[in-house]
């Protein structure tokens, strides 16, 4: 992955998160953050 693609992908994800919070609210972002943390712990366990 080149730096250009990585930067564009990162900007897209940040913009998508900002739009999502602006339209829907931030309550579900906390839930998704907790679930992502659980997934990271699960993957680290199986590594």
C-alpha atoms as a PDB file:
ATOM      1  CA  UNK A   1       0.000   0.000   0.000  1.00  0.00           C
ATOM      2  CA  UNK A   2       1.465   3.308  -0.997  1.00  0.00           C
ATOM      3  CA  UNK A   3       1.446   6.359   1.244  1.00  0.00           C
ATOM      4  CA  UNK A   4      -1.054   8.110  -1.000  1.00  0.00           C
ATOM      5  CA  UNK A   5      -3.565   5.280  -0.737  1.00  0.00           C
ATOM      6  CA  UNK A   6      -3.068   5.052   3.029  1.00  0.00           C
ATOM      7  CA  UNK A   7      -3.619   8.785   3.504  1.00  0.00           C
ATOM      8  CA  UNK A   8      -6.727   8.797   1.331  1.00  0.00           C
ATOM      9  CA  UNK A   9      -8.144   5.769   3.143  1.00  0.00           C
ATOM     10  CA  UNK A  10      -7.444   7.377   6.517  1.00  0.00           C
ATOM     11  CA  UNK A  11      -9.084  10.642   5.480  1.00  0.00           C
ATOM     12  CA  UNK A  12     -12.094   8.761   4.139  1.00  0.00           C
ATOM     13  CA  UNK A  13     -12.535   6.895   7.433  1.00  0.00           C
ATOM     14  CA  UNK A  14     -12.228  10.070   9.478  1.00  0.00           C
ATOM     15  CA  UNK A  15     -14.690  11.949   7.273  1.00  0.00           C
ATOM     16  CA  UNK A  16     -17.125   9.018   7.370  1.00  0.00           C
ATOM     17  CA  UNK A  17     -16.961   8.919  11.191  1.00  0.00           C
ATOM     18  CA  UNK A  18     -17.530  12.687  11.453  1.00  0.00           C
ATOM     19  CA  UNK A  19     -20.528  12.546   9.117  1.00  0.00           C
ATOM     20  CA  UNK A  20     -21.928   9.565  11.023  1.00  0.00           C
ATOM     21  CA  UNK A  21     -21.648  11.358  14.364  1.00  0.00           C
ATOM     22  CA  UNK A  22     -23.170  14.524  12.904  1.00  0.00           C
ATOM     23  CA  UNK A  23     -26.173  12.710  11.446  1.00  0.00           C
ATOM     24  CA  UNK A  24     -26.897   9.990  13.997  1.00  0.00           C
ATOM     25  CA  UNK A  25     -25.101  10.924  17.209  1.00  0.00           C
ATOM     26  CA  UNK A  26     -22.227   9.461  19.145  1.00  0.00           C
ATOM     27  CA  UNK A  27     -23.966   6.855  21.297  1.00  0.00           C
ATOM     28  CA  UNK A  28     -23.327   4.001  18.892  1.00  0.00           C
ATOM     29  CA  UNK A  29     -19.700   5.031  18.423  1.00  0.00           C
ATOM     30  CA  UNK A  30     -19.034   4.188  22.076  1.00  0.00           C
ATOM     31  CA  UNK A  31     -20.610   0.765  21.543  1.00  0.00           C
ATOM     32  CA  UNK A  32     -18.555   0.161  18.399  1.00  0.00           C
ATOM     33  CA  UNK A  33     -15.396   1.242  20.216  1.00  0.00           C
ATOM     34  CA  UNK A  34     -16.029  -1.231  23.022  1.00  0.00           C
ATOM     35  CA  UNK A  35     -16.770  -4.023  20.552  1.00  0.00           C
ATOM     36  CA  UNK A  36     -13.611  -3.219  18.575  1.00  0.00           C
ATOM     37  CA  UNK A  37     -11.575  -3.380  21.773  1.00  0.00           C
ATOM     38  CA  UNK A  38     -13.087  -6.785  22.571  1.00  0.00           C
ATOM     39  CA  UNK A  39     -12.222  -7.969  19.064  1.00  0.00           C
ATOM     40  CA  UNK A  40      -8.629  -6.784  19.455  1.00  0.00           C
ATOM     41  CA  UNK A  41      -8.330  -8.659  22.740  1.00  0.00           C
ATOM     42  CA  UNK A  42      -9.761 -11.803  21.134  1.00  0.00           C
ATOM     43  CA  UNK A  43      -7.360 -11.636  18.197  1.00  0.00           C
ATOM     44  CA  UNK A  44      -4.419 -10.992  20.539  1.00  0.00           C
ATOM     45  CA  UNK A  45      -5.425 -14.057  22.562  1.00  0.00           C
ATOM     46  CA  UNK A  46      -5.443 -16.334  19.507  1.00  0.00           C
ATOM     47  CA  UNK A  47      -2.157 -14.974  18.259  1.00  0.00           C
END
